[in-house]
Amino acid sequence: MTHIERSGSVDGELALRQWQEYVDVLRRRGWSVIEAPPVDDCSDGVFIEDQVVVHGDVAVLCRSGAPERRGERAGVREAVEAQGYRTVEVQEPGTLDGGDVLKHGHVVWVGVGGRTNLAGVDQLRRAWEGHRLEVVPVPVSKVLHLKSAVTALPDGTVIGYPPLVDDPTVWDEFLAVPEESGAHVVLLGGMSVLMSASAPRTAQLLAARGHDVTTVDISEFEKLEGCVTCLSVRLRG
């Protein structure tokens, strides 16, 4: 499965309000927010995570497995280069979506499936040569992107919704969560995480494990297969 059934039409005005609340939460938690220039003819451009992955001083501009999304990275290049990043482009025949890239510490897991291929993984590995990273391909067949199924908590524990995870034994520490949208967290620093309001049981589970959990309503983006990680890319100063 590479996509879900649409769950109704998107309310554009509500989506804008939800986007602003998402941005406001990041700012309240001490993050500076840089908005990439819009690419008006790319309707999925709000899901910026798919267009760039960063480590150290290198920003890898992705080449989506969905050809109609490749124009989105134009505005992203401008934004990351303005922050001093050196950019490297994934080239044909490689494909890479940022939503397939999960990093923690010195390990980078890259989902290989509908949107990312092994040639893209190899180019990502070469772009980060010298950064002492281990790049590990991971099969993805049940969801669109690896990070649609799993993300990592601040301590490195990988959380996921089991029906959507191909092989949870890939990770030494795997925590099953009870809701599909509970598999997605944005790390805010320390033990703080941001997640969707549509996963209250997972929020309770993480809070009980000592995490400071902030939730935000992104229902209109979830209708389009989006999640909290899709809407931003963290840049370290």
C-alpha atoms as a PDB file:
ATOM      1  CA  MET A   1       0.000   0.000   0.000  1.00  0.00           C
ATOM      2  CA  THR A   2       1.435   3.398  -0.950  1.00  0.00           C
ATOM      3  CA  HIS A   3      -1.466   5.668  -0.111  1.00  0.00           C
ATOM      4  CA  ILE A   4      -4.651   5.883   1.935  1.00  0.00           C
ATOM      5  CA  GLU A   5      -8.198   6.600   0.858  1.00  0.00           C
ATOM      6  CA  ARG A   6      -9.029  10.293   1.020  1.00  0.00           C
ATOM      7  CA  SER A   7     -11.176  10.991   4.072  1.00  0.00           C
ATOM      8  CA  GLY A   8     -13.149  13.920   2.723  1.00  0.00           C
ATOM      9  CA  SER A   9     -12.320  17.271   1.157  1.00  0.00           C
ATOM     10  CA  VAL A  10      -9.760  19.570   2.743  1.00  0.00           C
ATOM     11  CA  ASP A  11     -10.993  22.757   4.406  1.00  0.00           C
ATOM     12  CA  GLY A  12      -8.452  25.296   3.173  1.00  0.00           C
ATOM     13  CA  GLU A  13      -9.201  27.941   5.787  1.00  0.00           C
ATOM     14  CA  LEU A  14      -8.963  25.406   8.606  1.00  0.00           C
ATOM     15  CA  ALA A  15      -5.704  24.070   7.158  1.00  0.00           C
ATOM     16  CA  LEU A  16      -4.221  27.579   7.243  1.00  0.00           C
ATOM     17  CA  ARG A  17      -5.250  28.005  10.880  1.00  0.00           C
ATOM     18  CA  GLN A  18      -3.766  24.616  11.752  1.00  0.00           C
ATOM     19  CA  TRP A  19      -0.554  25.498   9.948  1.00  0.00           C
ATOM     20  CA  GLN A  20      -0.254  28.733  11.912  1.00  0.00           C
ATOM     21  CA  GLU A  21      -0.812  26.905  15.202  1.00  0.00           C
ATOM     22  CA  TYR A  22       1.885  24.385  14.243  1.00  0.00           C
ATOM     23  CA  VAL A  23       4.305  27.255  13.569  1.00  0.00           C
ATOM     24  CA  ASP A  24       3.277  29.027  16.769  1.00  0.00           C
ATOM     25  CA  VAL A  25       3.944  25.888  18.831  1.00  0.00           C
ATOM     26  CA  LEU A  26       7.464  25.625  17.413  1.00  0.00           C
ATOM     27  CA  ARG A  27       8.133  29.273  18.234  1.00  0.00           C
ATOM     28  CA  ARG A  28       6.759  28.943  21.755  1.00  0.00           C
ATOM     29  CA  ARG A  29       9.124  26.036  22.308  1.00  0.00           C
ATOM     30  CA  GLY A  30      12.116  28.188  21.395  1.00  0.00           C
ATOM     31  CA  TRP A  31      12.579  27.372  17.707  1.00  0.00           C
ATOM     32  CA  SER A  32      13.124  30.001  15.024  1.00  0.00           C
ATOM     33  CA  VAL A  33      10.925  29.345  12.007  1.00  0.00           C
ATOM     34  CA  ILE A  34      12.137  29.947   8.449  1.00  0.00           C
ATOM     35  CA  GLU A  35       9.418  29.601   5.831  1.00  0.00           C
ATOM     36  CA  ALA A  36      10.583  28.494   2.399  1.00  0.00           C
ATOM     37  CA  PRO A  37       9.280  30.507  -0.565  1.00  0.00           C
ATOM     38  CA  PRO A  38       6.083  28.924  -1.910  1.00  0.00           C
ATOM     39  CA  VAL A  39       6.056  27.094  -5.218  1.00  0.00           C
ATOM     40  CA  ASP A  40       2.531  27.889  -6.284  1.00  0.00           C
ATOM     41  CA  ASP A  41       2.124  25.135  -8.876  1.00  0.00           C
ATOM     42  CA  CYS A  42       3.155  22.393  -6.418  1.00  0.00           C
ATOM     43  CA  SER A  43       0.178  21.545  -4.241  1.00  0.00           C
ATOM     44  CA  ASP A  44       2.143  19.214  -1.932  1.00  0.00           C
ATOM     45  CA  GLY A  45       4.862  21.773  -1.248  1.00  0.00           C
ATOM     46  CA  VAL A  46       3.714  22.210   2.355  1.00  0.00           C
ATOM     47  CA  PHE A  47       5.137  18.737   3.059  1.00  0.00           C
ATOM     48  CA  ILE A  48       8.633  20.184   2.992  1.00  0.00           C
ATOM     49  CA  GLU A  49      10.288  17.247   4.770  1.00  0.00           C
ATOM     50  CA  ASP A  50      10.253  15.249   1.540  1.00  0.00           C
ATOM     51  CA  GLN A  51      12.450  17.741  -0.307  1.00  0.00           C
ATOM     52  CA  VAL A  52      15.586  18.027   1.828  1.00  0.00           C
ATOM     53  CA  VAL A  53      17.556  16.166   4.491  1.00  0.00           C
ATOM     54  CA  VAL A  54      20.353  17.840   6.416  1.00  0.00           C
ATOM     55  CA  HIS A  55      23.337  16.818   8.485  1.00  0.00           C
ATOM     56  CA  GLY A  56      26.254  18.952   9.544  1.00  0.00           C
ATOM     57  CA  ASP A  57      26.741  21.606   6.872  1.00  0.00           C
ATOM     58  CA  VAL A  58      25.269  19.504   4.042  1.00  0.00           C
ATOM     59  CA  ALA A  59      21.718  19.740   2.767  1.00  0.00           C
ATOM     60  CA  VAL A  60      20.761  16.965   0.358  1.00  0.00           C
ATOM     61  CA  LEU A  61      18.087  18.124  -2.075  1.00  0.00           C
ATOM     62  CA  CYS A  62      15.883  15.151  -2.785  1.00  0.00           C
ATOM     63  CA  ARG A  63      14.613  13.826  -6.089  1.00  0.00           C
ATOM     64  CA  SER A  64      11.152  12.535  -5.342  1.00  0.00           C
ATOM     65  CA  GLY A  65       9.942   9.164  -6.511  1.00  0.00           C
ATOM     66  CA  ALA A  66       6.798  11.077  -7.535  1.00  0.00           C
ATOM     67  CA  PRO A  67       7.855  13.105 -10.624  1.00  0.00           C
ATOM     68  CA  GLU A  68       5.090  15.658 -10.099  1.00  0.00           C
ATOM     69  CA  ARG A  69       6.702  16.680  -6.792  1.00  0.00           C
ATOM     70  CA  ARG A  70      10.197  17.411  -8.082  1.00  0.00           C
ATOM     71  CA  GLY A  71       9.518  21.098  -8.678  1.00  0.00           C
ATOM     72  CA  GLU A  72       9.018  21.660  -4.959  1.00  0.00           C
ATOM     73  CA  ARG A  73      12.707  21.730  -4.125  1.00  0.00           C
ATOM     74  CA  ALA A  74      13.330  25.057  -5.898  1.00  0.00           C
ATOM     75  CA  GLY A  75      12.152  27.104  -2.930  1.00  0.00           C
ATOM     76  CA  VAL A  76      13.829  24.735  -0.496  1.00  0.00           C
ATOM     77  CA  ARG A  77      17.259  25.244  -2.078  1.00  0.00           C
ATOM     78  CA  GLU A  78      16.922  29.001  -1.607  1.00  0.00           C
ATOM     79  CA  ALA A  79      15.944  28.592   2.052  1.00  0.00           C
ATOM     80  CA  VAL A  80      18.744  26.227   3.098  1.00  0.00           C
ATOM     81  CA  GLU A  81      21.483  27.986   1.138  1.00  0.00           C
ATOM     82  CA  ALA A  82      20.489  31.232   2.879  1.00  0.00           C
ATOM     83  CA  GLN A  83      21.244  29.444   6.170  1.00  0.00           C
ATOM     84  CA  GLY A  84      24.745  28.546   5.027  1.00  0.00           C
ATOM     85  CA  TYR A  85      24.212  24.934   3.987  1.00  0.00           C
ATOM     86  CA  ARG A  86      26.155  23.370   1.142  1.00  0.00           C
ATOM     87  CA  THR A  87      23.640  21.693  -1.161  1.00  0.00           C
ATOM     88  CA  VAL A  88      23.973  18.385  -2.979  1.00  0.00           C
ATOM     89  CA  GLU A  89      21.319  17.203  -5.437  1.00  0.00           C
ATOM     90  CA  VAL A  90      20.171  13.625  -5.828  1.00  0.00           C
ATOM     91  CA  GLN A  91      20.513  12.813  -9.525  1.00  0.00           C
ATOM     92  CA  GLU A  92      18.859  10.348 -11.922  1.00  0.00           C
ATOM     93  CA  PRO A  93      18.484   7.365 -11.592  1.00  0.00           C
ATOM     94  CA  GLY A  94      18.336   7.974  -7.843  1.00  0.00           C
ATOM     95  CA  THR A  95      15.113   8.848  -6.086  1.00  0.00           C
ATOM     96  CA  LEU A  96      14.883   9.963  -2.475  1.00  0.00           C
ATOM     97  CA  ASP A  97      12.066  11.413  -0.386  1.00  0.00           C
ATOM     98  CA  GLY A  98      13.000  12.990   2.923  1.00  0.00           C
ATOM     99  CA  GLY A  99      10.057  11.250   4.563  1.00  0.00           C
ATOM    100  CA  ASP A 100      12.000   8.017   4.096  1.00  0.00           C
ATOM    101  CA  VAL A 101      14.987   9.263   6.142  1.00  0.00           C
ATOM    102  CA  LEU A 102      15.026   8.652   9.897  1.00  0.00           C
ATOM    103  CA  LYS A 103      18.115   9.838  11.775  1.00  0.00           C
ATOM    104  CA  HIS A 104      19.203   9.299  15.342  1.00  0.00           C
ATOM    105  CA  GLY A 105      22.720   9.768  16.582  1.00  0.00           C
ATOM    106  CA  HIS A 106      25.101   8.411  13.976  1.00  0.00           C
ATOM    107  CA  VAL A 107      22.622   6.033  12.337  1.00  0.00           C
ATOM    108  CA  VAL A 108      20.449   6.946   9.349  1.00  0.00           C
ATOM    109  CA  TRP A 109      17.709   4.520   8.339  1.00  0.00           C
ATOM    110  CA  VAL A 110      16.394   5.041   4.806  1.00  0.00           C
ATOM    111  CA  GLY A 111      13.157   3.468   3.663  1.00  0.00           C
ATOM    112  CA  VAL A 112      13.337   1.805   0.256  1.00  0.00           C
ATOM    113  CA  GLY A 113       9.984   1.346  -1.425  1.00  0.00           C
ATOM    114  CA  GLY A 114       7.592   3.359  -3.545  1.00  0.00           C
ATOM    115  CA  ARG A 115       9.388   6.720  -3.332  1.00  0.00           C
ATOM    116  CA  THR A 116      13.070   6.009  -2.582  1.00  0.00           C
ATOM    117  CA  ASN A 117      15.356   3.580  -4.403  1.00  0.00           C
ATOM    118  CA  LEU A 118      18.786   2.111  -3.622  1.00  0.00           C
ATOM    119  CA  ALA A 119      20.503   4.506  -6.023  1.00  0.00           C
ATOM    120  CA  GLY A 120      19.098   7.366  -3.959  1.00  0.00           C
ATOM    121  CA  VAL A 121      20.350   5.730  -0.755  1.00  0.00           C
ATOM    122  CA  ASP A 122      23.830   5.404  -2.263  1.00  0.00           C
ATOM    123  CA  GLN A 123      23.883   9.078  -3.269  1.00  0.00           C
ATOM    124  CA  LEU A 124      22.802  10.112   0.234  1.00  0.00           C
ATOM    125  CA  ARG A 125      25.616   8.009   1.709  1.00  0.00           C
ATOM    126  CA  ARG A 126      28.165   9.643  -0.601  1.00  0.00           C
ATOM    127  CA  ALA A 127      26.878  13.148   0.166  1.00  0.00           C
ATOM    128  CA  TRP A 128      27.564  12.558   3.865  1.00  0.00           C
ATOM    129  CA  GLU A 129      30.941  10.865   3.483  1.00  0.00           C
ATOM    130  CA  GLY A 130      33.251  11.979   6.257  1.00  0.00           C
ATOM    131  CA  HIS A 131      30.386  12.591   8.677  1.00  0.00           C
ATOM    132  CA  ARG A 132      30.787   9.202  10.390  1.00  0.00           C
ATOM    133  CA  LEU A 133      27.223   8.153   9.685  1.00  0.00           C
ATOM    134  CA  GLU A 134      25.972   4.621   9.139  1.00  0.00           C
ATOM    135  CA  VAL A 135      23.319   4.636   6.407  1.00  0.00           C
ATOM    136  CA  VAL A 136      21.016   1.601   6.654  1.00  0.00           C
ATOM    137  CA  PRO A 137      18.416   0.739   3.955  1.00  0.00           C
ATOM    138  CA  VAL A 138      15.089  -0.444   5.391  1.00  0.00           C
ATOM    139  CA  PRO A 139      12.296  -2.080   3.347  1.00  0.00           C
ATOM    140  CA  VAL A 140       9.032  -0.133   3.156  1.00  0.00           C
ATOM    141  CA  SER A 141       6.002  -1.789   1.602  1.00  0.00           C
ATOM    142  CA  LYS A 142       3.048  -0.988   3.898  1.00  0.00           C
ATOM    143  CA  VAL A 143       3.174   2.827   3.894  1.00  0.00           C
ATOM    144  CA  LEU A 144       4.188   5.673   1.619  1.00  0.00           C
ATOM    145  CA  HIS A 145       7.327   6.614   3.587  1.00  0.00           C
ATOM    146  CA  LEU A 146       9.371   5.081   6.388  1.00  0.00           C
ATOM    147  CA  LYS A 147       8.440   7.944   8.708  1.00  0.00           C
ATOM    148  CA  SER A 148       4.774   7.278   8.020  1.00  0.00           C
ATOM    149  CA  ALA A 149       5.366   4.154  10.111  1.00  0.00           C
ATOM    150  CA  VAL A 150       8.122   5.016  12.602  1.00  0.00           C
ATOM    151  CA  THR A 151       9.966   7.917  14.229  1.00  0.00           C
ATOM    152  CA  ALA A 152      12.464   8.109  17.099  1.00  0.00           C
ATOM    153  CA  LEU A 153      12.102   9.426  20.632  1.00  0.00           C
ATOM    154  CA  PRO A 154      14.836  11.566  22.218  1.00  0.00           C
ATOM    155  CA  ASP A 155      16.505   8.504  23.792  1.00  0.00           C
ATOM    156  CA  GLY A 156      16.659   6.685  20.446  1.00  0.00           C
ATOM    157  CA  THR A 157      13.696   4.390  21.062  1.00  0.00           C
ATOM    158  CA  VAL A 158      11.889   3.948  17.741  1.00  0.00           C
ATOM    159  CA  ILE A 159       8.115   4.124  17.982  1.00  0.00           C
ATOM    160  CA  GLY A 160       5.742   2.677  15.425  1.00  0.00           C
ATOM    161  CA  TYR A 161       2.272   1.410  14.703  1.00  0.00           C
ATOM    162  CA  PRO A 162       2.870  -2.347  14.195  1.00  0.00           C
ATOM    163  CA  PRO A 163       0.441  -2.992  11.296  1.00  0.00           C
ATOM    164  CA  LEU A 164       2.417  -0.502   9.191  1.00  0.00           C
ATOM    165  CA  VAL A 165       5.959  -1.565  10.090  1.00  0.00           C
ATOM    166  CA  ASP A 166       7.634  -4.094   7.804  1.00  0.00           C
ATOM    167  CA  ASP A 167      10.218  -5.312  10.318  1.00  0.00           C
ATOM    168  CA  PRO A 168      10.383  -3.827  13.839  1.00  0.00           C
ATOM    169  CA  THR A 169      13.452  -5.976  14.635  1.00  0.00           C
ATOM    170  CA  VAL A 170      15.517  -3.521  12.559  1.00  0.00           C
ATOM    171  CA  TRP A 171      15.724  -1.412  15.733  1.00  0.00           C
ATOM    172  CA  ASP A 172      17.205  -2.557  19.037  1.00  0.00           C
ATOM    173  CA  GLU A 173      14.622  -0.539  20.960  1.00  0.00           C
ATOM    174  CA  PHE A 174      11.148  -0.553  19.398  1.00  0.00           C
ATOM    175  CA  LEU A 175       8.007   0.690  21.152  1.00  0.00           C
ATOM    176  CA  ALA A 176       4.617  -0.186  19.676  1.00  0.00           C
ATOM    177  CA  VAL A 177       2.030   2.593  19.881  1.00  0.00           C
ATOM    178  CA  PRO A 178      -1.748   2.124  19.778  1.00  0.00           C
ATOM    179  CA  GLU A 179      -2.628   4.681  17.081  1.00  0.00           C
ATOM    180  CA  GLU A 180      -1.352   5.174  13.551  1.00  0.00           C
ATOM    181  CA  SER A 181      -0.796   8.921  14.002  1.00  0.00           C
ATOM    182  CA  GLY A 182       0.973   8.192  17.289  1.00  0.00           C
ATOM    183  CA  ALA A 183       3.978   6.906  15.363  1.00  0.00           C
ATOM    184  CA  HIS A 184       4.986  10.450  14.398  1.00  0.00           C
ATOM    185  CA  VAL A 185       6.865  12.793  16.729  1.00  0.00           C
ATOM    186  CA  VAL A 186       8.919  15.926  16.167  1.00  0.00           C
ATOM    187  CA  LEU A 187      11.737  16.340  18.697  1.00  0.00           C
ATOM    188  CA  LEU A 188      11.621  19.771  20.319  1.00  0.00           C
ATOM    189  CA  GLY A 189      14.695  19.433  22.523  1.00  0.00           C
ATOM    190  CA  GLY A 190      15.374  17.562  25.732  1.00  0.00           C
ATOM    191  CA  MET A 191      12.499  15.214  26.513  1.00  0.00           C
ATOM    192  CA  SER A 192       9.955  17.367  24.669  1.00  0.00           C
ATOM    193  CA  VAL A 193       8.064  16.074  21.636  1.00  0.00           C
ATOM    194  CA  LEU A 194       5.357  17.399  19.341  1.00  0.00           C
ATOM    195  CA  MET A 195       2.687  15.055  18.036  1.00  0.00           C
ATOM    196  CA  SER A 196      -0.803  15.005  16.559  1.00  0.00           C
ATOM    197  CA  ALA A 197      -3.858  15.574  18.719  1.00  0.00           C
ATOM    198  CA  SER A 198      -5.432  12.602  16.929  1.00  0.00           C
ATOM    199  CA  ALA A 199      -3.351  10.166  19.023  1.00  0.00           C
ATOM    200  CA  PRO A 200      -4.397  10.814  22.646  1.00  0.00           C
ATOM    201  CA  ARG A 201      -3.585   7.301  23.893  1.00  0.00           C
ATOM    202  CA  THR A 202      -0.068   7.522  22.510  1.00  0.00           C
ATOM    203  CA  ALA A 203       0.336  10.968  24.074  1.00  0.00           C
ATOM    204  CA  GLN A 204      -0.590   9.460  27.448  1.00  0.00           C
ATOM    205  CA  LEU A 205       1.841   6.580  26.891  1.00  0.00           C
ATOM    206  CA  LEU A 206       4.736   8.910  26.112  1.00  0.00           C
ATOM    207  CA  ALA A 207       3.897  11.244  28.993  1.00  0.00           C
ATOM    208  CA  ALA A 208       3.940   8.258  31.351  1.00  0.00           C
ATOM    209  CA  ARG A 209       7.460   7.490  30.105  1.00  0.00           C
ATOM    210  CA  GLY A 210       8.606  10.954  31.143  1.00  0.00           C
ATOM    211  CA  HIS A 211       8.189  12.887  27.913  1.00  0.00           C
ATOM    212  CA  ASP A 212       6.893  16.445  27.759  1.00  0.00           C
ATOM    213  CA  VAL A 213       4.201  16.083  25.078  1.00  0.00           C
ATOM    214  CA  THR A 214       2.698  18.945  23.085  1.00  0.00           C
ATOM    215  CA  THR A 215      -0.141  18.129  20.700  1.00  0.00           C
ATOM    216  CA  VAL A 216      -1.417  20.036  17.699  1.00  0.00           C
ATOM    217  CA  ASP A 217      -4.468  19.486  15.493  1.00  0.00           C
ATOM    218  CA  ILE A 218      -3.399  18.783  11.889  1.00  0.00           C
ATOM    219  CA  SER A 219      -6.548  16.991  10.733  1.00  0.00           C
ATOM    220  CA  GLU A 220      -6.633  18.677   7.313  1.00  0.00           C
ATOM    221  CA  PHE A 221      -3.055  17.623   6.562  1.00  0.00           C
ATOM    222  CA  GLU A 222      -3.745  14.092   7.779  1.00  0.00           C
ATOM    223  CA  LYS A 223      -6.452  13.865   5.117  1.00  0.00           C
ATOM    224  CA  LEU A 224      -3.612  14.226   2.599  1.00  0.00           C
ATOM    225  CA  GLU A 225      -1.420  11.570   4.271  1.00  0.00           C
ATOM    226  CA  GLY A 226       0.585  14.222   6.097  1.00  0.00           C
ATOM    227  CA  CYS A 227       1.843  14.089   9.684  1.00  0.00           C
ATOM    228  CA  VAL A 228       3.672  16.382  12.110  1.00  0.00           C
ATOM    229  CA  THR A 229       7.099  15.493  10.720  1.00  0.00           C
ATOM    230  CA  CYS A 230       6.102  16.265   7.107  1.00  0.00           C
ATOM    231  CA  LEU A 231       5.555  19.953   7.780  1.00  0.00           C
ATOM    232  CA  SER A 232       9.049  21.006   8.842  1.00  0.00           C
ATOM    233  CA  VAL A 233      12.763  20.218   8.669  1.00  0.00           C
ATOM    234  CA  ARG A 234      14.869  20.885  11.748  1.00  0.00           C
ATOM    235  CA  LEU A 235      18.041  22.894  11.140  1.00  0.00           C
ATOM    236  CA  ARG A 236      20.640  22.960  13.885  1.00  0.00           C
ATOM    237  CA  GLY A 237      22.540  26.186  14.545  1.00  0.00           C
END
